[in-house]
Amino acid sequence: MYNGRTDPVEHVSQFNQRMVIHSKDEALMCKVFLSSLGPMVMRWFDGLKPNSIGSFKQLIQAFGSRFIMSNRVPQPLDSLLSLSMREGETLKAYSDRYWEMYNEIEGNHDDVAINTFKSGLPTKHGLRKSLIGKPVTNLRQLMD
């Protein structure tokens, strides 16, 4: 199982070797590959935009650009606490930066992530007001 700490190139290589007889079945390759990922990496996958992956090759490319090219040591939880939206920064840029850091943190800290994302928004930001008025209960709601 790939957990973000081992060599991602080696993981893909071993996976392809084990699945060589099924390599023509795209759907099976994707499903089995996803089952080989640990919880931290599945958070990354769950955060991908719907329908953004159309083939096993695209899945491996996305995995590679996230984990092979940036195989880093997990960050401490307090890394999230220091993030806030910068003056002039777009919501998309803040969100991308926030989720990039969140994906580098080990463990399940969904409640902290929801609260720190919201508190990192400027006080008068419409999204922050909306999140206070209608609180989200899980990360999927927040990311949508």
C-alpha atoms as a PDB file:
ATOM      1  CA  MET A   1       0.000   0.000   0.000  1.00  0.00           C
ATOM      2  CA  TYR A   2       1.341   3.428  -0.933  1.00  0.00           C
ATOM      3  CA  ASN A   3       1.138   5.823   2.034  1.00  0.00           C
ATOM      4  CA  GLY A   4       3.051   8.842   0.746  1.00  0.00           C
ATOM      5  CA  ARG A   5       6.301   7.883   2.468  1.00  0.00           C
ATOM      6  CA  THR A   6       7.655   5.149   0.240  1.00  0.00           C
ATOM      7  CA  ASP A   7       9.028   5.608  -3.256  1.00  0.00           C
ATOM      8  CA  PRO A   8       6.072   6.398  -5.562  1.00  0.00           C
ATOM      9  CA  VAL A   9       8.005   5.379  -8.715  1.00  0.00           C
ATOM     10  CA  GLU A  10       8.649   1.972  -7.197  1.00  0.00           C
ATOM     11  CA  HIS A  11       4.990   1.653  -6.196  1.00  0.00           C
ATOM     12  CA  VAL A  12       3.798   2.329  -9.772  1.00  0.00           C
ATOM     13  CA  SER A  13       6.418  -0.017 -11.200  1.00  0.00           C
ATOM     14  CA  GLN A  14       5.468  -2.885  -8.887  1.00  0.00           C
ATOM     15  CA  PHE A  15       1.783  -2.250  -9.485  1.00  0.00           C
ATOM     16  CA  ASN A  16       2.245  -2.397 -13.270  1.00  0.00           C
ATOM     17  CA  GLN A  17       4.240  -5.635 -12.940  1.00  0.00           C
ATOM     18  CA  ARG A  18       1.517  -7.277 -10.829  1.00  0.00           C
ATOM     19  CA  MET A  19      -1.259  -6.110 -13.171  1.00  0.00           C
ATOM     20  CA  VAL A  20       0.408  -6.710 -16.540  1.00  0.00           C
ATOM     21  CA  ILE A  21      -2.142  -9.353 -17.603  1.00  0.00           C
ATOM     22  CA  HIS A  22      -4.974  -6.869 -16.921  1.00  0.00           C
ATOM     23  CA  SER A  23      -3.307  -3.839 -18.514  1.00  0.00           C
ATOM     24  CA  LYS A  24      -5.928  -3.565 -21.294  1.00  0.00           C
ATOM     25  CA  ASP A  25      -8.809  -3.224 -18.796  1.00  0.00           C
ATOM     26  CA  GLU A  26      -8.704   0.518 -17.935  1.00  0.00           C
ATOM     27  CA  ALA A  27     -11.511   0.438 -15.373  1.00  0.00           C
ATOM     28  CA  LEU A  28     -10.008  -2.498 -13.491  1.00  0.00           C
ATOM     29  CA  MET A  29      -6.543  -0.929 -13.516  1.00  0.00           C
ATOM     30  CA  CYS A  30      -7.919   2.312 -12.031  1.00  0.00           C
ATOM     31  CA  LYS A  31      -9.974   0.552  -9.351  1.00  0.00           C
ATOM     32  CA  VAL A  32      -7.184  -1.749  -8.270  1.00  0.00           C
ATOM     33  CA  PHE A  33      -4.638   1.079  -8.281  1.00  0.00           C
ATOM     34  CA  LEU A  34      -6.889   3.151  -6.021  1.00  0.00           C
ATOM     35  CA  SER A  35      -7.187   0.189  -3.640  1.00  0.00           C
ATOM     36  CA  SER A  36      -3.369   0.233  -3.371  1.00  0.00           C
ATOM     37  CA  LEU A  37      -3.356   3.756  -1.912  1.00  0.00           C
ATOM     38  CA  GLY A  38      -3.342   4.608   1.777  1.00  0.00           C
ATOM     39  CA  PRO A  39      -5.745   7.068   3.471  1.00  0.00           C
ATOM     40  CA  MET A  40      -3.504  10.134   3.098  1.00  0.00           C
ATOM     41  CA  VAL A  41      -3.154   9.552  -0.640  1.00  0.00           C
ATOM     42  CA  MET A  42      -6.871   8.803  -1.022  1.00  0.00           C
ATOM     43  CA  ARG A  43      -7.578  12.282   0.392  1.00  0.00           C
ATOM     44  CA  TRP A  44      -5.639  13.634  -2.574  1.00  0.00           C
ATOM     45  CA  PHE A  45      -7.653  11.463  -4.968  1.00  0.00           C
ATOM     46  CA  ASP A  46     -10.964  12.407  -3.333  1.00  0.00           C
ATOM     47  CA  GLY A  47     -10.006  16.065  -3.815  1.00  0.00           C
ATOM     48  CA  LEU A  48      -9.657  15.729  -7.597  1.00  0.00           C
ATOM     49  CA  LYS A  49     -12.348  17.398  -9.679  1.00  0.00           C
ATOM     50  CA  PRO A  50     -15.068  14.989 -10.841  1.00  0.00           C
ATOM     51  CA  ASN A  51     -14.406  13.523 -14.300  1.00  0.00           C
ATOM     52  CA  SER A  52     -10.866  14.958 -14.368  1.00  0.00           C
ATOM     53  CA  ILE A  53      -9.381  11.471 -14.841  1.00  0.00           C
ATOM     54  CA  GLY A  54     -10.381   9.650 -18.012  1.00  0.00           C
ATOM     55  CA  SER A  55      -7.893   6.792 -18.180  1.00  0.00           C
ATOM     56  CA  PHE A  56      -5.397   4.786 -16.186  1.00  0.00           C
ATOM     57  CA  LYS A  57      -2.599   6.713 -17.893  1.00  0.00           C
ATOM     58  CA  GLN A  58      -4.108  10.031 -16.707  1.00  0.00           C
ATOM     59  CA  LEU A  59      -4.496   8.621 -13.188  1.00  0.00           C
ATOM     60  CA  ILE A  60      -0.821   7.638 -13.080  1.00  0.00           C
ATOM     61  CA  GLN A  61       0.193  11.022 -14.519  1.00  0.00           C
ATOM     62  CA  ALA A  62      -1.844  12.886 -11.874  1.00  0.00           C
ATOM     63  CA  PHE A  63      -0.443  10.616  -9.167  1.00  0.00           C
ATOM     64  CA  GLY A  64       3.062  11.209 -10.505  1.00  0.00           C
ATOM     65  CA  SER A  65       2.745  14.978 -10.646  1.00  0.00           C
ATOM     66  CA  ARG A  66       1.483  15.006  -7.061  1.00  0.00           C
ATOM     67  CA  PHE A  67       3.648  12.368  -5.382  1.00  0.00           C
ATOM     68  CA  ILE A  68       6.609  11.525  -7.587  1.00  0.00           C
ATOM     69  CA  MET A  69       7.610  15.112  -8.279  1.00  0.00           C
ATOM     70  CA  SER A  70       6.907  16.307  -4.772  1.00  0.00           C
ATOM     71  CA  ASN A  71       7.643  13.386  -2.479  1.00  0.00           C
ATOM     72  CA  ARG A  72       7.933  15.329   0.763  1.00  0.00           C
ATOM     73  CA  VAL A  73       8.004  14.616   4.454  1.00  0.00           C
ATOM     74  CA  PRO A  74       4.503  14.983   5.972  1.00  0.00           C
ATOM     75  CA  GLN A  75       3.897  18.409   7.495  1.00  0.00           C
ATOM     76  CA  PRO A  76       2.766  18.952  11.095  1.00  0.00           C
ATOM     77  CA  LEU A  77      -0.879  19.836  11.743  1.00  0.00           C
ATOM     78  CA  ASP A  78       0.029  23.350  12.887  1.00  0.00           C
ATOM     79  CA  SER A  79       1.059  24.121   9.287  1.00  0.00           C
ATOM     80  CA  LEU A  80      -2.641  24.619   8.566  1.00  0.00           C
ATOM     81  CA  LEU A  81      -3.071  27.028  11.451  1.00  0.00           C
ATOM     82  CA  SER A  82      -0.715  29.564   9.908  1.00  0.00           C
ATOM     83  CA  LEU A  83      -2.452  29.636   6.513  1.00  0.00           C
ATOM     84  CA  SER A  84      -4.726  32.497   5.627  1.00  0.00           C
ATOM     85  CA  MET A  85      -5.900  34.187   2.478  1.00  0.00           C
ATOM     86  CA  ARG A  86      -3.417  36.850   1.403  1.00  0.00           C
ATOM     87  CA  GLU A  87      -4.460  40.331   0.394  1.00  0.00           C
ATOM     88  CA  GLY A  88      -5.298  40.306  -3.314  1.00  0.00           C
ATOM     89  CA  GLU A  89      -5.235  36.501  -3.477  1.00  0.00           C
ATOM     90  CA  THR A  90      -8.110  34.801  -5.272  1.00  0.00           C
ATOM     91  CA  LEU A  91     -10.273  32.276  -3.488  1.00  0.00           C
ATOM     92  CA  LYS A  92      -9.064  29.610  -5.939  1.00  0.00           C
ATOM     93  CA  ALA A  93      -5.394  30.365  -5.217  1.00  0.00           C
ATOM     94  CA  TYR A  94      -6.013  30.269  -1.443  1.00  0.00           C
ATOM     95  CA  SER A  95      -8.019  27.068  -1.763  1.00  0.00           C
ATOM     96  CA  ASP A  96      -5.348  25.394  -3.915  1.00  0.00           C
ATOM     97  CA  ARG A  97      -2.617  26.419  -1.477  1.00  0.00           C
ATOM     98  CA  TYR A  98      -4.658  25.274   1.517  1.00  0.00           C
ATOM     99  CA  TRP A  99      -5.528  21.834   0.107  1.00  0.00           C
ATOM    100  CA  GLU A 100      -1.962  21.292  -1.073  1.00  0.00           C
ATOM    101  CA  MET A 101      -0.806  21.761   2.524  1.00  0.00           C
ATOM    102  CA  TYR A 102      -3.706  19.693   3.902  1.00  0.00           C
ATOM    103  CA  ASN A 103      -2.710  16.781   1.663  1.00  0.00           C
ATOM    104  CA  GLU A 104       0.787  16.874   3.157  1.00  0.00           C
ATOM    105  CA  ILE A 105      -0.490  16.401   6.710  1.00  0.00           C
ATOM    106  CA  GLU A 106      -0.683  12.938   8.145  1.00  0.00           C
ATOM    107  CA  GLY A 107      -3.783  11.718   9.957  1.00  0.00           C
ATOM    108  CA  ASN A 108      -7.461  12.551   9.897  1.00  0.00           C
ATOM    109  CA  HIS A 109      -8.003  16.161  10.957  1.00  0.00           C
ATOM    110  CA  ASP A 110     -11.147  17.024   9.016  1.00  0.00           C
ATOM    111  CA  ASP A 111     -12.720  19.156  11.769  1.00  0.00           C
ATOM    112  CA  VAL A 112      -9.533  21.184  12.173  1.00  0.00           C
ATOM    113  CA  ALA A 113      -9.232  21.545   8.387  1.00  0.00           C
ATOM    114  CA  ILE A 114     -12.783  22.871   8.039  1.00  0.00           C
ATOM    115  CA  ASN A 115     -12.339  25.383  10.856  1.00  0.00           C
ATOM    116  CA  THR A 116      -8.881  26.599   9.829  1.00  0.00           C
ATOM    117  CA  PHE A 117      -9.907  26.992   6.175  1.00  0.00           C
ATOM    118  CA  LYS A 118     -12.852  29.149   7.248  1.00  0.00           C
ATOM    119  CA  SER A 119     -10.830  31.194   9.746  1.00  0.00           C
ATOM    120  CA  GLY A 120      -8.150  31.780   7.105  1.00  0.00           C
ATOM    121  CA  LEU A 121     -10.658  33.703   4.985  1.00  0.00           C
ATOM    122  CA  PRO A 122     -10.960  37.470   5.526  1.00  0.00           C
ATOM    123  CA  THR A 123     -13.676  38.368   8.052  1.00  0.00           C
ATOM    124  CA  LYS A 124     -15.841  40.108   5.450  1.00  0.00           C
ATOM    125  CA  HIS A 125     -15.396  37.472   2.719  1.00  0.00           C
ATOM    126  CA  GLY A 126     -18.713  36.158   1.409  1.00  0.00           C
ATOM    127  CA  LEU A 127     -17.681  32.518   1.663  1.00  0.00           C
ATOM    128  CA  ARG A 128     -16.686  32.934   5.303  1.00  0.00           C
ATOM    129  CA  LYS A 129     -20.064  34.523   6.080  1.00  0.00           C
ATOM    130  CA  SER A 130     -21.783  31.699   4.217  1.00  0.00           C
ATOM    131  CA  LEU A 131     -19.836  29.034   6.109  1.00  0.00           C
ATOM    132  CA  ILE A 132     -20.736  30.647   9.418  1.00  0.00           C
ATOM    133  CA  GLY A 133     -24.420  30.844   8.465  1.00  0.00           C
ATOM    134  CA  LYS A 134     -24.579  27.322   7.056  1.00  0.00           C
ATOM    135  CA  PRO A 135     -21.766  25.269   8.617  1.00  0.00           C
ATOM    136  CA  VAL A 136     -20.350  22.352   6.638  1.00  0.00           C
ATOM    137  CA  THR A 137     -19.935  19.000   8.340  1.00  0.00           C
ATOM    138  CA  ASN A 138     -17.407  17.296   6.076  1.00  0.00           C
ATOM    139  CA  LEU A 139     -14.538  18.126   3.729  1.00  0.00           C
ATOM    140  CA  ARG A 140     -16.442  17.125   0.585  1.00  0.00           C
ATOM    141  CA  GLN A 141     -19.082  19.804   1.327  1.00  0.00           C
ATOM    142  CA  LEU A 142     -16.359  22.372   1.936  1.00  0.00           C
ATOM    143  CA  MET A 143     -14.476  21.576  -1.261  1.00  0.00           C
ATOM    144  CA  ASP A 144     -17.655  21.676  -3.342  1.00  0.00           C
END
